[in-house]
Amino acid sequence: MELTGKIEINSEQTVFRMINWGIIGCGNVTEVKSGPAFSKVKGSRLIAVMRRNPALAEDYARRHNVPRFYSDAKDLINDPEINAIYVATPPGSHAEYAIKAIEAGKPVYVEKPMAINYGECKKIIKVSEKHKIPVFVAYYRRGLPGFRKVKELVENGAVGKVRYVMIQCFKSPSKDELEGKPSWRVEPEISGGGHFFDLASHQLDYLDFLLGPVQKVKSVVLNQGGLYEAEDFVSALFEFPDNIAGSGTWCFSASPENNSDIIEIKGDAGMLRFSAFSFEPIVLVNKEGRTEMINERPEHVQYYLIEQIVRELNGDGKAASTGITAARTSWVMDEVVKEYYKKK
């Protein structure tokens, strides 16, 4: 398998006609959400995967018809046929692998959150700017048709001037958490924090896309359930550009009866309601009445963002989620929880 060639856009950027991807960390997120999409997007193909357990790497490669596999990230990064790398490990190693890929001259697509904290995001960006190699981050709602429809409605004044945005996310503990066997997602040294970092990152990044960067943050952060050390309750207030106010409440020790997944955009002429994770219909209420719109979940939810990235690497447009935009979301999350972790 050979590269189909490369073209020079300008003196500072080189892009490839065929994007040959390698994945570092082929775990659950790559099974359906992302992995298959790399070979379904035009001008893109997945040619190698890496996992520290060679048997699991081989199994993934076999099941997904990937030509080769590695058990050492260094070998995948240095594979001369790979010209773009997807880092899908837990956040604690994102910065390490992203920086190594960039230093090898290869554009990098990083799972969310971009890194374990804002400081590590800045390190990635600094290396990216030094080597003039782009970084993208898997905040794929920026590419999904339903979420882009919400943005279009807001920008076209369907709710008038936006006054307030509200997030509500309540989720009951997992069986493993109740049995004292929590996952790495609630180990701050690996994930950055608790489930807030895993789930709220998507919601907050989408609001950055929709309304612009958060300007101010105030918060109350607690551990109410006592199932692990990380935060399991967050209540936060946000200020967005144009004098827009926002709030969010996240609780990960609720009973199943309290489970909820709601985002509401309230304007001076209407309201939008939709979900971040369950793809419920988008509801618009304004002077025209009530309208429901399908928020379709594609088979591979990262497809549209990966398509944007491939197009950008071929000099055709810009991807909506970059290292710069993703780092802003990490800054917000760090600001929300900083007082909680100062006490630890």
Protein backbone atom coordinates (compact mmCIF):
# COMPACT_ATOMS: atom_id res chain seq x y z
CA MET A 1 0.00 0.00 0.00
CA GLU A 2 1.54 3.29 -1.08
CA LEU A 3 0.72 6.95 -0.71
CA THR A 4 -1.02 8.38 -3.73
CA GLY A 5 1.19 11.44 -3.59
CA LYS A 6 1.11 14.84 -1.94
CA ILE A 7 0.52 18.40 -3.00
CA GLU A 8 1.83 21.70 -1.69
CA ILE A 9 -0.86 24.27 -0.83
CA ASN A 10 1.61 26.90 0.26
CA SER A 11 5.04 27.18 1.82
CA GLU A 12 3.76 26.32 5.29
CA GLN A 13 1.39 23.40 4.74
CA THR A 14 1.62 20.01 3.06
CA VAL A 15 -1.45 17.86 2.55
CA PHE A 16 -1.98 14.39 1.14
CA ARG A 17 -4.43 13.26 -1.53
CA MET A 18 -5.16 10.04 0.38
CA ILE A 19 -5.24 10.25 4.16
CA ASN A 20 -3.85 7.01 5.59
CA TRP A 21 -4.86 6.82 9.23
CA GLY A 22 -3.36 5.01 12.16
CA ILE A 23 -5.21 4.66 15.47
CA ILE A 24 -3.45 4.69 18.83
CA GLY A 25 -5.73 3.00 21.34
CA CYS A 26 -8.40 0.96 19.54
CA GLY A 27 -10.83 0.60 22.46
CA ASN A 28 -14.62 0.83 22.65
CA VAL A 29 -14.97 4.34 21.23
CA THR A 30 -13.38 3.18 17.97
CA GLU A 31 -15.62 0.14 17.45
CA VAL A 32 -18.60 2.00 15.93
CA LYS A 33 -18.44 5.71 16.73
CA SER A 34 -15.23 6.46 14.85
CA GLY A 35 -13.08 3.58 13.58
CA PRO A 36 -15.14 2.38 10.58
CA ALA A 37 -15.73 5.96 9.42
CA PHE A 38 -12.06 6.45 8.54
CA SER A 39 -12.45 4.03 5.62
CA LYS A 40 -15.90 5.26 4.58
CA VAL A 41 -14.97 8.92 4.09
CA LYS A 42 -13.82 9.73 0.56
CA GLY A 43 -10.05 10.17 0.35
CA SER A 44 -9.47 8.39 3.64
CA ARG A 45 -8.59 4.89 4.85
CA LEU A 46 -7.57 3.19 8.07
CA ILE A 47 -4.39 1.19 7.55
CA ALA A 48 -3.08 0.44 11.05
CA VAL A 49 -4.14 0.24 14.69
CA MET A 50 -2.20 0.05 17.94
CA ARG A 51 -3.08 -1.35 21.34
CA ARG A 52 -0.67 -2.34 24.08
CA ASN A 53 -2.19 -5.81 24.19
CA PRO A 54 -1.09 -7.33 20.86
CA ALA A 55 -3.85 -9.96 20.89
CA LEU A 56 -6.51 -7.26 21.23
CA ALA A 57 -4.83 -5.15 18.53
CA GLU A 58 -4.76 -8.13 16.18
CA ASP A 59 -8.39 -8.94 16.96
CA TYR A 60 -9.48 -5.39 16.17
CA ALA A 61 -7.51 -5.36 12.92
CA ARG A 62 -8.99 -8.68 11.84
CA ARG A 63 -12.59 -7.72 12.64
CA HIS A 64 -12.33 -4.32 10.93
CA ASN A 65 -10.22 -5.42 7.94
CA VAL A 66 -7.32 -3.18 8.92
CA PRO A 67 -4.09 -4.24 7.13
CA ARG A 68 -1.76 -4.18 10.14
CA PHE A 69 -1.52 -3.69 13.87
CA TYR A 70 1.06 -2.69 16.46
CA SER A 71 1.49 -3.01 20.22
CA ASP A 72 3.89 -0.04 20.48
CA ALA A 73 2.72 3.48 19.64
CA LYS A 74 6.20 4.43 18.48
CA ASP A 75 6.04 1.88 15.69
CA LEU A 76 2.70 3.17 14.46
CA ILE A 77 3.80 6.80 14.61
CA ASN A 78 6.93 5.99 12.61
CA ASP A 79 5.12 3.91 9.99
CA PRO A 80 6.01 5.79 6.78
CA GLU A 81 2.69 4.98 5.09
CA ILE A 82 0.65 6.61 7.87
CA ASN A 83 0.16 10.33 7.33
CA ALA A 84 -2.47 11.12 9.99
CA ILE A 85 -3.01 9.74 13.49
CA TYR A 86 -6.09 9.36 15.68
CA VAL A 87 -5.31 9.26 19.41
CA ALA A 88 -8.12 7.34 21.13
CA THR A 89 -6.50 6.48 24.46
CA PRO A 90 -7.82 7.79 27.81
CA PRO A 91 -7.11 11.54 28.24
CA GLY A 92 -4.11 11.04 30.53
CA SER A 93 -1.94 10.06 27.56
CA HIS A 94 -3.43 12.34 24.89
CA ALA A 95 -0.76 15.01 25.16
CA GLU A 96 2.10 12.50 25.06
CA TYR A 97 0.91 10.76 21.90
CA ALA A 98 -0.37 13.89 20.17
CA ILE A 99 2.96 15.64 20.63
CA LYS A 100 4.91 12.63 19.36
CA ALA A 101 2.69 12.44 16.27
CA ILE A 102 3.09 16.16 15.58
CA GLU A 103 6.87 15.94 15.99
CA ALA A 104 6.81 13.12 13.43
CA GLY A 105 5.12 15.56 11.03
CA LYS A 106 1.68 13.94 11.13
CA PRO A 107 -1.66 15.71 11.65
CA VAL A 108 -3.43 14.41 14.72
CA TYR A 109 -7.07 13.85 15.64
CA VAL A 110 -7.48 13.51 19.41
CA GLU A 111 -10.37 12.03 21.37
CA LYS A 112 -12.16 14.32 23.79
CA PRO A 113 -11.44 15.92 26.12
CA MET A 114 -8.35 17.13 24.29
CA ALA A 115 -6.08 16.42 27.27
CA ILE A 116 -6.21 15.84 31.00
CA ASN A 117 -6.23 19.61 31.66
CA TYR A 118 -5.94 22.98 29.96
CA GLY A 119 -2.19 23.16 30.63
CA GLU A 120 -1.59 20.04 28.55
CA CYS A 121 -3.84 21.39 25.81
CA LYS A 122 -1.59 24.44 25.60
CA LYS A 123 1.48 22.20 25.29
CA ILE A 124 -0.09 20.40 22.32
CA ILE A 125 -1.01 23.68 20.66
CA LYS A 126 2.50 25.09 21.17
CA VAL A 127 4.10 22.08 19.46
CA SER A 128 1.46 22.19 16.71
CA GLU A 129 2.20 25.83 15.98
CA LYS A 130 5.96 25.25 16.08
CA HIS A 131 5.80 22.44 13.51
CA LYS A 132 2.82 23.89 11.57
CA ILE A 133 0.94 20.61 11.93
CA PRO A 134 -2.84 20.76 12.52
CA VAL A 135 -4.64 19.29 15.52
CA PHE A 136 -8.29 18.29 15.55
CA VAL A 137 -10.41 17.05 18.48
CA ALA A 138 -13.38 14.64 18.51
CA TYR A 139 -16.12 17.07 19.49
CA TYR A 140 -18.19 15.61 16.69
CA ARG A 141 -21.46 17.36 17.50
CA ARG A 142 -20.00 20.29 15.62
CA GLY A 143 -20.40 18.16 12.48
CA LEU A 144 -23.69 16.33 13.12
CA PRO A 145 -26.64 17.50 10.98
CA GLY A 146 -29.12 17.84 13.88
CA PHE A 147 -26.76 19.95 15.97
CA ARG A 148 -25.87 22.07 12.97
CA LYS A 149 -29.63 22.55 12.42
CA VAL A 150 -29.94 23.93 15.96
CA LYS A 151 -27.11 26.36 15.19
CA GLU A 152 -28.82 27.40 11.96
CA LEU A 153 -32.11 28.02 13.78
CA VAL A 154 -30.40 30.15 16.42
CA GLU A 155 -28.43 32.16 13.85
CA ASN A 156 -31.57 32.71 11.75
CA GLY A 157 -33.44 34.15 14.75
CA ALA A 158 -35.91 31.31 15.32
CA VAL A 159 -35.92 32.13 19.06
CA GLY A 160 -35.03 35.80 18.70
CA LYS A 161 -32.08 37.07 20.70
CA VAL A 162 -30.72 34.34 22.93
CA ARG A 163 -31.01 35.24 26.61
CA TYR A 164 -30.24 32.02 28.43
CA VAL A 165 -29.03 28.46 27.89
CA MET A 166 -29.61 25.61 30.32
CA ILE A 167 -27.98 22.17 30.57
CA GLN A 168 -29.39 19.40 32.75
CA CYS A 169 -27.64 16.04 32.92
CA PHE A 170 -28.62 13.51 35.60
CA LYS A 171 -27.31 9.97 35.41
CA SER A 172 -27.51 7.07 37.85
CA PRO A 173 -24.34 5.23 38.91
CA SER A 174 -23.26 2.15 37.01
CA LYS A 175 -23.48 -1.33 38.48
CA ASP A 176 -19.68 -1.42 38.76
CA GLU A 177 -19.64 1.88 40.65
CA LEU A 178 -22.25 0.62 43.08
CA GLU A 179 -20.11 -2.49 43.61
CA GLY A 180 -16.98 -0.44 44.32
CA LYS A 181 -15.35 -1.03 40.93
CA PRO A 182 -15.43 2.37 39.19
CA SER A 183 -13.81 2.79 35.77
CA TRP A 184 -10.90 5.00 34.75
CA ARG A 185 -13.45 7.65 33.77
CA VAL A 186 -13.69 8.73 37.42
CA GLU A 187 -9.94 8.59 38.12
CA PRO A 188 -8.78 12.23 37.76
CA GLU A 189 -5.15 11.27 37.08
CA ILE A 190 -6.37 9.43 33.95
CA SER A 191 -9.53 11.26 32.91
CA GLY A 192 -9.06 14.76 34.35
CA GLY A 193 -11.97 14.42 36.75
CA GLY A 194 -15.20 12.47 37.01
CA HIS A 195 -18.03 11.91 34.54
CA PHE A 196 -18.31 15.68 34.24
CA PHE A 197 -15.13 15.68 32.15
CA ASP A 198 -16.38 12.86 29.95
CA LEU A 199 -19.94 14.06 29.30
CA ALA A 200 -20.08 17.80 30.02
CA SER A 201 -17.13 18.32 27.69
CA HIS A 202 -19.43 17.50 24.74
CA GLN A 203 -22.16 19.83 25.95
CA LEU A 204 -19.89 22.73 26.79
CA ASP A 205 -17.96 22.43 23.57
CA TYR A 206 -21.19 22.47 21.59
CA LEU A 207 -22.29 25.66 23.36
CA ASP A 208 -18.91 27.18 22.46
CA PHE A 209 -19.75 26.31 18.83
CA LEU A 210 -23.27 27.68 19.17
CA LEU A 211 -22.77 30.85 21.23
CA GLY A 212 -19.03 31.53 21.40
CA PRO A 213 -16.42 31.06 24.13
CA VAL A 214 -17.44 31.14 27.79
CA GLN A 215 -16.24 34.39 29.40
CA LYS A 216 -16.85 33.74 33.11
CA VAL A 217 -17.52 30.71 35.33
CA LYS A 218 -18.90 30.23 38.84
CA SER A 219 -19.61 26.83 40.33
CA VAL A 220 -20.50 24.51 43.19
CA VAL A 221 -18.79 21.10 42.94
CA LEU A 222 -19.44 18.22 45.32
CA ASN A 223 -19.15 14.51 45.86
CA GLN A 224 -22.56 13.40 47.10
CA GLY A 225 -22.58 9.67 46.42
CA GLY A 226 -19.24 8.72 47.93
CA LEU A 227 -18.68 6.02 45.30
CA TYR A 228 -15.31 7.47 44.23
CA GLU A 229 -13.13 10.49 44.98
CA ALA A 230 -13.89 12.55 41.88
CA GLU A 231 -16.74 15.06 41.76
CA ASP A 232 -20.19 13.61 41.06
CA PHE A 233 -22.27 16.79 41.29
CA VAL A 234 -21.64 20.09 39.49
CA SER A 235 -23.75 23.23 39.35
CA ALA A 236 -22.26 26.04 37.29
CA LEU A 237 -23.10 29.47 35.91
CA PHE A 238 -21.61 30.73 32.66
CA GLU A 239 -21.41 34.02 30.83
CA PHE A 240 -21.20 33.86 27.02
CA PRO A 241 -20.56 36.70 24.54
CA ASP A 242 -23.40 39.14 23.81
CA ASN A 243 -24.57 39.13 27.42
CA ILE A 244 -25.95 35.58 27.21
CA ALA A 245 -26.29 33.75 30.52
CA GLY A 246 -26.04 30.00 31.01
CA SER A 247 -26.27 27.37 33.68
CA GLY A 248 -25.64 23.66 33.98
CA THR A 249 -26.41 20.97 36.51
CA TRP A 250 -24.77 17.57 36.38
CA CYS A 251 -25.46 14.79 38.87
CA PHE A 252 -23.99 11.31 38.55
CA SER A 253 -25.42 9.78 41.72
CA ALA A 254 -29.10 10.20 40.86
CA SER A 255 -31.70 7.45 40.88
CA PRO A 256 -32.73 6.11 37.45
CA GLU A 257 -36.06 7.96 37.79
CA ASN A 258 -34.15 11.26 37.74
CA ASN A 259 -32.06 10.54 34.65
CA SER A 260 -32.25 13.44 32.21
CA ASP A 261 -30.44 14.83 29.18
CA ILE A 262 -31.70 18.30 28.27
CA ILE A 263 -30.34 21.46 26.67
CA GLU A 264 -32.64 24.46 26.33
CA ILE A 265 -31.96 27.69 24.45
CA LYS A 266 -34.31 30.48 25.54
CA GLY A 267 -34.61 33.68 23.54
CA ASP A 268 -36.79 36.76 23.56
CA ALA A 269 -39.00 35.22 20.87
CA GLY A 270 -38.97 31.49 21.48
CA MET A 271 -37.31 28.38 22.86
CA LEU A 272 -35.35 25.37 21.57
CA ARG A 273 -35.04 22.07 23.44
CA PHE A 274 -32.87 19.11 22.45
CA SER A 275 -30.70 16.40 23.96
CA ALA A 276 -26.95 16.03 23.92
CA PHE A 277 -26.69 12.23 23.99
CA SER A 278 -30.05 10.54 23.38
CA PHE A 279 -30.86 12.23 20.05
CA GLU A 280 -34.40 13.13 21.06
CA PRO A 281 -36.35 15.25 18.54
CA ILE A 282 -35.43 18.94 18.45
CA VAL A 283 -38.35 21.02 19.73
CA LEU A 284 -38.84 24.63 18.63
CA VAL A 285 -41.55 26.77 20.24
CA ASN A 286 -42.14 30.32 19.02
CA LYS A 287 -44.92 32.51 17.65
CA GLU A 288 -45.36 30.06 14.78
CA GLY A 289 -46.28 27.34 17.28
CA ARG A 290 -44.51 24.11 18.21
CA THR A 291 -42.33 22.24 15.72
CA GLU A 292 -40.50 18.95 16.19
CA MET A 293 -37.53 18.00 14.01
CA ILE A 294 -35.73 14.68 13.81
CA ASN A 295 -32.23 14.67 15.27
CA GLU A 296 -30.88 11.69 13.38
CA ARG A 297 -28.06 9.65 14.87
CA PRO A 298 -25.81 8.34 12.07
CA GLU A 299 -24.30 4.87 12.26
CA HIS A 300 -20.86 6.35 12.92
CA VAL A 301 -21.33 9.58 14.87
CA GLN A 302 -17.86 10.89 14.08
CA TYR A 303 -18.26 10.46 10.31
CA TYR A 304 -19.14 14.07 9.49
CA LEU A 305 -16.31 15.55 11.54
CA ILE A 306 -13.80 13.07 10.11
CA GLU A 307 -15.04 14.04 6.65
CA GLN A 308 -14.40 17.70 7.49
CA ILE A 309 -10.88 16.88 8.69
CA VAL A 310 -10.03 14.91 5.54
CA ARG A 311 -11.30 17.75 3.39
CA GLU A 312 -9.22 20.28 5.32
CA LEU A 313 -6.11 18.13 4.99
CA ASN A 314 -6.76 18.17 1.25
CA GLY A 315 -7.07 21.96 1.19
CA ASP A 316 -10.86 22.01 0.87
CA GLY A 317 -12.48 23.85 3.77
CA LYS A 318 -11.98 23.89 7.52
CA ALA A 319 -12.92 21.41 10.22
CA ALA A 320 -15.15 22.76 12.99
CA SER A 321 -13.27 21.23 15.94
CA THR A 322 -9.62 22.13 16.35
CA GLY A 323 -7.06 22.17 19.11
CA ILE A 324 -7.78 25.86 19.65
CA THR A 325 -11.53 25.41 20.08
CA ALA A 326 -11.17 22.25 22.18
CA ALA A 327 -8.67 23.85 24.53
CA ARG A 328 -11.29 26.47 25.41
CA THR A 329 -13.60 23.70 26.62
CA SER A 330 -10.83 22.26 28.78
CA TRP A 331 -10.27 25.72 30.27
CA VAL A 332 -13.95 25.96 31.20
CA MET A 333 -13.97 22.53 32.86
CA ASP A 334 -10.79 23.31 34.79
CA GLU A 335 -12.33 26.57 36.00
CA VAL A 336 -15.49 24.75 37.11
CA VAL A 337 -13.69 22.16 39.28
CA LYS A 338 -10.57 24.02 40.40
CA GLU A 339 -11.78 24.84 43.93
CA TYR A 340 -12.92 21.25 44.48
CA TYR A 341 -9.49 19.85 43.61
CA LYS A 342 -7.65 22.51 45.59
CA LYS A 343 -9.15 20.86 48.68
CA LYS A 344 -7.90 17.41 47.70
